[in-house]
Amino acid sequence: MSRHSINTLIPVLLLALAAGGTDPLAAQETEPPSNGLARTIPCTSFDDDSHYPLGYEQTLDLAIQAVYVGRGEPEKNTRKCFFRMAEGLARHLVFENPNDPEPRYWYAAAMGLRAAEEGGRTQVRLAQRAHEQARLTLTVAPEHAGAQHVLGRLHVAVMHLSGFKRFIATRILGGKALSEASWENAESLLAAAARSKPEIPAHHYALGNLYLDTDRPEAALEAFKRAVACPPIHAADRKVLVSAGEMVERLLRELEV
């Protein structure tokens, strides 16, 4: 894509994605852009590594906003489009400053989210790359909660595969980096993320689901309660809070607490 085309798209994206404020941790009460707007922006707009005329911090903020907008989108192809934009923007910043853990984390997060929307070889490739970038994030920032969460979720995803599918994914399709996945590693990572950033409901929600996967409903109930107690930071957090609330009600009934 030409520099002129990128320059033309930048103001549109800034208006669409940063309307809720330039602080990526500020509460977002605005709804995500419409599907029509998303379809006017090619997903490949930020796939190259040319210079973006935004500046470092603005480019990182735009990548973060694209992730959160994508998480809030109901339509699959639109979600994938935003995740690809976030991926391209963050990748550019990783090349520019490989020692900054934040772009590398958001690069991993965008690929991990897109992997959940894909299938087959593409899914394995994205998961492997997300795993690699999250691990690299932890080499720079060993206590990075976001990278711990991404790695933990990837471990859980692998453990959910049947033995045959796991063999296909980790050996034949080239996802060897995922072969170290285990419930123990997943729990260690997700628990560390929840301790480090307890205000993020997704951290507790993921840990609660892991406890259910490993037959510990009482621990799961407590984790879901902690998720429900978190105020939403982003619009996409509302989905997590609703799901966590439903799990609390279900477990209370089942455990007769």
Protein backbone atom coordinates (compact mmCIF):
# COMPACT_ATOMS: atom_id res chain seq x y z
CA MET A 1 0.00 0.00 0.00
CA SER A 2 1.32 3.49 -0.88
CA ARG A 3 2.29 6.09 1.71
CA HIS A 4 -0.56 8.28 0.40
CA SER A 5 -3.11 5.54 1.05
CA ILE A 6 -1.87 5.06 4.61
CA ASN A 7 -1.94 8.80 5.26
CA THR A 8 -5.54 8.89 4.02
CA LEU A 9 -6.63 6.09 6.35
CA ILE A 10 -4.89 7.37 9.48
CA PRO A 11 -7.34 10.23 10.29
CA VAL A 12 -10.33 7.94 9.74
CA LEU A 13 -8.92 5.35 12.13
CA LEU A 14 -8.01 7.91 14.72
CA LEU A 15 -11.54 9.27 14.75
CA ALA A 16 -13.09 5.82 14.81
CA LEU A 17 -10.85 4.09 17.36
CA ALA A 18 -9.68 6.87 19.65
CA ALA A 19 -13.01 8.63 20.08
CA GLY A 20 -13.16 7.41 23.66
CA GLY A 21 -9.95 9.25 24.58
CA THR A 22 -6.26 8.75 23.97
CA ASP A 23 -5.72 6.93 27.26
CA PRO A 24 -6.03 3.20 26.40
CA LEU A 25 -7.01 2.44 29.99
CA ALA A 26 -9.75 5.06 30.14
CA ALA A 27 -13.31 3.77 30.37
CA GLN A 28 -14.91 3.47 26.93
CA GLU A 29 -18.64 4.11 26.90
CA THR A 30 -18.91 4.57 23.13
CA GLU A 31 -20.04 1.67 20.98
CA PRO A 32 -17.57 0.11 18.49
CA PRO A 33 -17.58 1.51 14.95
CA SER A 34 -20.19 0.11 12.61
CA ASN A 35 -19.42 -2.82 10.35
CA GLY A 36 -19.79 -0.47 7.40
CA LEU A 37 -16.93 1.71 8.63
CA ALA A 38 -14.73 -1.30 9.31
CA ARG A 39 -15.27 -2.61 5.78
CA THR A 40 -14.04 0.68 4.30
CA ILE A 41 -10.58 0.00 5.81
CA PRO A 42 -8.65 -2.86 4.17
CA CYS A 43 -7.30 -5.33 6.70
CA THR A 44 -3.94 -5.18 4.93
CA SER A 45 -3.60 -1.43 5.51
CA PHE A 46 -1.00 -1.98 8.22
CA ASP A 47 0.50 -5.30 7.16
CA ASP A 48 3.74 -3.76 5.91
CA ASP A 49 6.44 -2.30 8.12
CA SER A 50 6.74 1.13 6.52
CA HIS A 51 6.90 4.23 8.66
CA TYR A 52 3.61 5.37 10.18
CA PRO A 53 3.21 9.16 10.39
CA LEU A 54 1.61 9.00 13.84
CA GLY A 55 4.49 8.84 16.27
CA TYR A 56 5.34 5.99 18.60
CA GLU A 57 2.83 6.54 21.40
CA GLN A 58 -0.08 7.31 19.06
CA THR A 59 0.63 4.19 17.01
CA LEU A 60 0.69 2.06 20.16
CA ASP A 61 -2.55 3.66 21.36
CA LEU A 62 -4.20 2.94 18.02
CA ALA A 63 -3.12 -0.72 18.19
CA ILE A 64 -4.58 -1.02 21.70
CA GLN A 65 -7.84 0.63 20.66
CA ALA A 66 -8.09 -1.71 17.65
CA VAL A 67 -7.79 -4.74 19.96
CA TYR A 68 -10.56 -3.51 22.26
CA VAL A 69 -12.83 -2.48 19.40
CA GLY A 70 -12.29 -5.90 17.82
CA ARG A 71 -13.17 -7.66 21.06
CA GLY A 72 -16.45 -5.78 21.18
CA GLU A 73 -17.45 -6.51 17.58
CA PRO A 74 -20.20 -9.13 17.09
CA GLU A 75 -19.30 -9.96 13.48
CA LYS A 76 -16.43 -12.41 12.98
CA ASN A 77 -14.82 -10.93 9.87
CA THR A 78 -14.92 -7.46 11.39
CA ARG A 79 -13.24 -8.73 14.54
CA LYS A 80 -10.52 -10.34 12.45
CA CYS A 81 -10.05 -7.11 10.52
CA PHE A 82 -9.42 -5.08 13.67
CA PHE A 83 -7.11 -7.73 15.11
CA ARG A 84 -5.06 -7.72 11.91
CA MET A 85 -4.76 -3.95 12.06
CA ALA A 86 -3.62 -4.14 15.68
CA GLU A 87 -1.16 -6.84 14.75
CA GLY A 88 0.39 -4.78 11.96
CA LEU A 89 0.65 -1.62 14.05
CA ALA A 90 2.20 -3.40 17.03
CA ARG A 91 4.61 -5.35 14.82
CA HIS A 92 5.90 -2.09 13.39
CA LEU A 93 6.68 -0.80 16.89
CA VAL A 94 8.38 -4.08 17.87
CA PHE A 95 10.79 -3.59 15.00
CA GLU A 96 11.30 0.03 15.99
CA ASN A 97 11.97 -0.69 19.67
CA PRO A 98 12.41 -4.41 20.48
CA ASN A 99 13.16 -3.67 24.15
CA ASP A 100 9.75 -2.11 24.87
CA PRO A 101 7.50 -4.89 26.25
CA GLU A 102 4.19 -3.14 25.54
CA PRO A 103 4.12 -3.30 21.70
CA ARG A 104 5.39 -6.87 21.86
CA TYR A 105 2.61 -7.82 24.28
CA TRP A 106 -0.10 -6.23 22.11
CA TYR A 107 1.42 -7.94 19.07
CA ALA A 108 1.05 -11.28 20.90
CA ALA A 109 -2.44 -10.42 22.13
CA ALA A 110 -3.67 -9.48 18.64
CA MET A 111 -2.33 -12.71 17.15
CA GLY A 112 -3.78 -14.77 19.98
CA LEU A 113 -7.22 -13.21 19.50
CA ARG A 114 -7.07 -13.71 15.75
CA ALA A 115 -6.00 -17.33 16.24
CA ALA A 116 -9.26 -17.95 18.08
CA GLU A 117 -11.11 -16.83 14.93
CA GLU A 118 -9.13 -19.00 12.51
CA GLY A 119 -8.75 -22.70 11.96
CA GLY A 120 -6.26 -25.30 10.82
CA ARG A 121 -2.72 -24.34 9.89
CA THR A 122 -3.40 -20.60 10.19
CA GLN A 123 -4.63 -21.01 13.75
CA VAL A 124 -1.56 -23.02 14.76
CA ARG A 125 0.81 -20.56 13.08
CA LEU A 126 -0.77 -17.57 14.83
CA ALA A 127 -0.83 -19.37 18.18
CA GLN A 128 2.82 -20.29 17.84
CA ARG A 129 3.78 -16.71 16.99
CA ALA A 130 1.67 -15.34 19.85
CA HIS A 131 3.41 -17.81 22.18
CA GLU A 132 6.83 -16.70 20.94
CA GLN A 133 6.08 -12.98 21.33
CA ALA A 134 4.53 -13.42 24.79
CA ARG A 135 7.61 -15.34 25.92
CA LEU A 136 9.86 -12.60 24.55
CA THR A 137 7.76 -10.03 26.41
CA LEU A 138 8.47 -11.88 29.65
CA THR A 139 12.21 -11.85 28.98
CA VAL A 140 12.05 -8.05 29.01
CA ALA A 141 9.35 -7.71 31.71
CA PRO A 142 9.18 -10.99 33.72
CA GLU A 143 6.07 -9.94 35.68
CA HIS A 144 4.07 -8.67 32.71
CA ALA A 145 0.49 -9.73 33.54
CA GLY A 146 -0.77 -9.46 29.97
CA ALA A 147 1.94 -11.74 28.58
CA GLN A 148 1.33 -14.23 31.41
CA HIS A 149 -2.38 -14.22 30.57
CA VAL A 150 -1.74 -14.79 26.85
CA LEU A 151 0.61 -17.70 27.55
CA GLY A 152 -1.78 -19.22 30.08
CA ARG A 153 -4.69 -19.02 27.65
CA LEU A 154 -2.59 -20.65 24.92
CA HIS A 155 -1.68 -23.49 27.27
CA VAL A 156 -5.36 -24.02 28.10
CA ALA A 157 -6.28 -24.03 24.40
CA VAL A 158 -3.72 -26.74 23.68
CA MET A 159 -4.85 -28.82 26.66
CA HIS A 160 -8.41 -28.73 25.32
CA LEU A 161 -7.29 -30.52 22.15
CA SER A 162 -7.58 -34.27 21.94
CA GLY A 163 -4.32 -36.20 21.95
CA PHE A 164 -4.42 -36.72 18.19
CA LYS A 165 -5.25 -33.10 17.41
CA ARG A 166 -2.51 -31.94 19.77
CA PHE A 167 -0.04 -34.18 17.97
CA ILE A 168 -1.11 -32.74 14.61
CA ALA A 169 -0.88 -29.18 15.89
CA THR A 170 2.43 -29.43 17.71
CA ARG A 171 4.29 -31.77 15.39
CA ILE A 172 2.93 -31.88 11.87
CA LEU A 173 1.65 -28.30 11.58
CA GLY A 174 4.75 -26.83 13.19
CA GLY A 175 3.48 -25.69 16.57
CA LYS A 176 6.33 -27.29 18.51
CA ALA A 177 6.60 -24.31 20.85
CA LEU A 178 3.15 -25.23 22.18
CA SER A 179 4.16 -28.79 23.09
CA GLU A 180 5.21 -27.69 26.60
CA ALA A 181 1.59 -26.85 27.44
CA SER A 182 0.22 -28.32 30.66
CA TRP A 183 -2.53 -27.56 33.16
CA GLU A 184 0.14 -26.79 35.76
CA ASN A 185 1.90 -24.25 33.54
CA ALA A 186 -1.41 -22.71 32.53
CA GLU A 187 -2.52 -22.30 36.15
CA SER A 188 0.80 -20.81 37.21
CA LEU A 189 0.66 -18.21 34.45
CA LEU A 190 -3.02 -17.30 34.85
CA ALA A 191 -2.73 -17.07 38.64
CA ALA A 192 0.31 -14.81 38.30
CA ALA A 193 -1.59 -12.53 35.93
CA ALA A 194 -4.56 -12.34 38.32
CA ARG A 195 -2.26 -11.46 41.23
CA SER A 196 -0.38 -8.84 39.27
CA LYS A 197 -3.43 -7.13 37.72
CA PRO A 198 -6.41 -8.06 39.92
CA GLU A 199 -8.51 -5.21 38.51
CA ILE A 200 -8.84 -6.95 35.13
CA PRO A 201 -11.91 -9.25 35.13
CA ALA A 202 -10.65 -11.42 32.26
CA HIS A 203 -7.75 -12.60 34.40
CA HIS A 204 -10.05 -14.00 37.10
CA TYR A 205 -12.52 -15.34 34.53
CA ALA A 206 -9.82 -17.33 32.71
CA LEU A 207 -8.56 -18.72 36.02
CA GLY A 208 -12.11 -19.69 37.01
CA ASN A 209 -12.56 -21.64 33.79
CA LEU A 210 -9.25 -23.41 34.36
CA TYR A 211 -10.43 -24.46 37.83
CA LEU A 212 -13.57 -25.91 36.23
CA ASP A 213 -11.44 -27.73 33.65
CA THR A 214 -9.47 -29.29 36.50
CA ASP A 215 -12.54 -30.22 38.63
CA ARG A 216 -12.25 -27.54 41.32
CA PRO A 217 -15.68 -25.87 41.32
CA GLU A 218 -15.24 -24.16 44.71
CA ALA A 219 -12.06 -22.43 43.55
CA ALA A 220 -13.79 -21.56 40.29
CA LEU A 221 -16.67 -19.94 42.15
CA GLU A 222 -14.29 -17.69 44.08
CA ALA A 223 -12.45 -16.70 40.89
CA PHE A 224 -15.70 -15.83 39.12
CA LYS A 225 -16.80 -13.78 42.14
CA ARG A 226 -13.56 -11.81 41.93
CA ALA A 227 -14.22 -11.20 38.22
CA VAL A 228 -17.73 -9.91 38.93
CA ALA A 229 -16.33 -7.53 41.57
CA CYS A 230 -14.13 -5.79 38.98
CA PRO A 231 -15.53 -2.57 37.47
CA PRO A 232 -15.46 -2.61 33.65
CA ILE A 233 -12.53 -0.68 32.23
CA HIS A 234 -13.38 -1.23 28.57
CA ALA A 235 -16.66 -1.86 26.79
CA ALA A 236 -15.51 -5.40 25.98
CA ASP A 237 -15.20 -6.14 29.71
CA ARG A 238 -18.98 -6.15 29.99
CA LYS A 239 -19.13 -9.49 28.16
CA VAL A 240 -16.71 -10.97 30.69
CA LEU A 241 -18.71 -9.61 33.63
CA VAL A 242 -21.97 -11.02 32.26
CA SER A 243 -20.41 -14.43 31.66
CA ALA A 244 -18.75 -14.43 35.09
CA GLY A 245 -22.07 -13.53 36.73
CA GLU A 246 -23.80 -16.41 34.98
CA MET A 247 -21.08 -18.79 36.17
CA VAL A 248 -21.47 -17.57 39.76
CA GLU A 249 -25.22 -18.24 39.65
CA ARG A 250 -24.72 -21.67 38.11
CA LEU A 251 -22.08 -22.76 40.60
CA LEU A 252 -24.06 -21.46 43.56
CA ARG A 253 -26.94 -23.67 42.46
CA GLU A 254 -24.75 -26.69 41.83
CA LEU A 255 -22.80 -26.38 45.05
CA GLU A 256 -25.84 -25.26 47.06
CA VAL A 257 -23.76 -22.60 48.77
